[in-house]
Amino acid sequence: KNLAFSATLVSGGEALGIVISTGDNTEIGEINSLVGQVEKKKTNVLVQIDLVSKFIALFVVIVAIVTFCVAYFQTKMDALHAVSVALVTSVAMIPEGLAAIVTLTYAYAVSNMAEHNAIVRVLPAVETLG
């Protein structure tokens, strides 16, 4: 007569149940497979952040190679110390605060929009405005 899905809570009484499907064949399994098929589209801001990150990574690699060459050939360091200097330089150049800067920019934009009575619940809708 009636069906009880997984995670169904019963507050009282007695019942006898028969399992009719498990795993991906259940209703929750169908929902899970549908959610897995949804395409993840990147917003313009995420595309721009990816582009900036690639430029930063390329710049860091170039500077690391130049640092290694200068340390190894100019100052006649042994190879291990030259690699160490290049790695330390590379790690120091990676901006740790990039995520914080993006978050602060979003917060500033939302507060600026709130002054104009334009609060939006879905951030990708705002990102397309520029």
Foldseek 3Di string as FASTA:
>chain_A
DDDDAPPRDDPDDDDDDDDDDDALVGPVNVVVVVVVPDDDDDAPVRVVVVVVVVVLVVVLVVQLVVQLCCVCPVVVDPNVVSNVVSVVSSVVSDDPCPVVVVVVVVVVVQVVVVVVVRHDDDVSVVRVVD
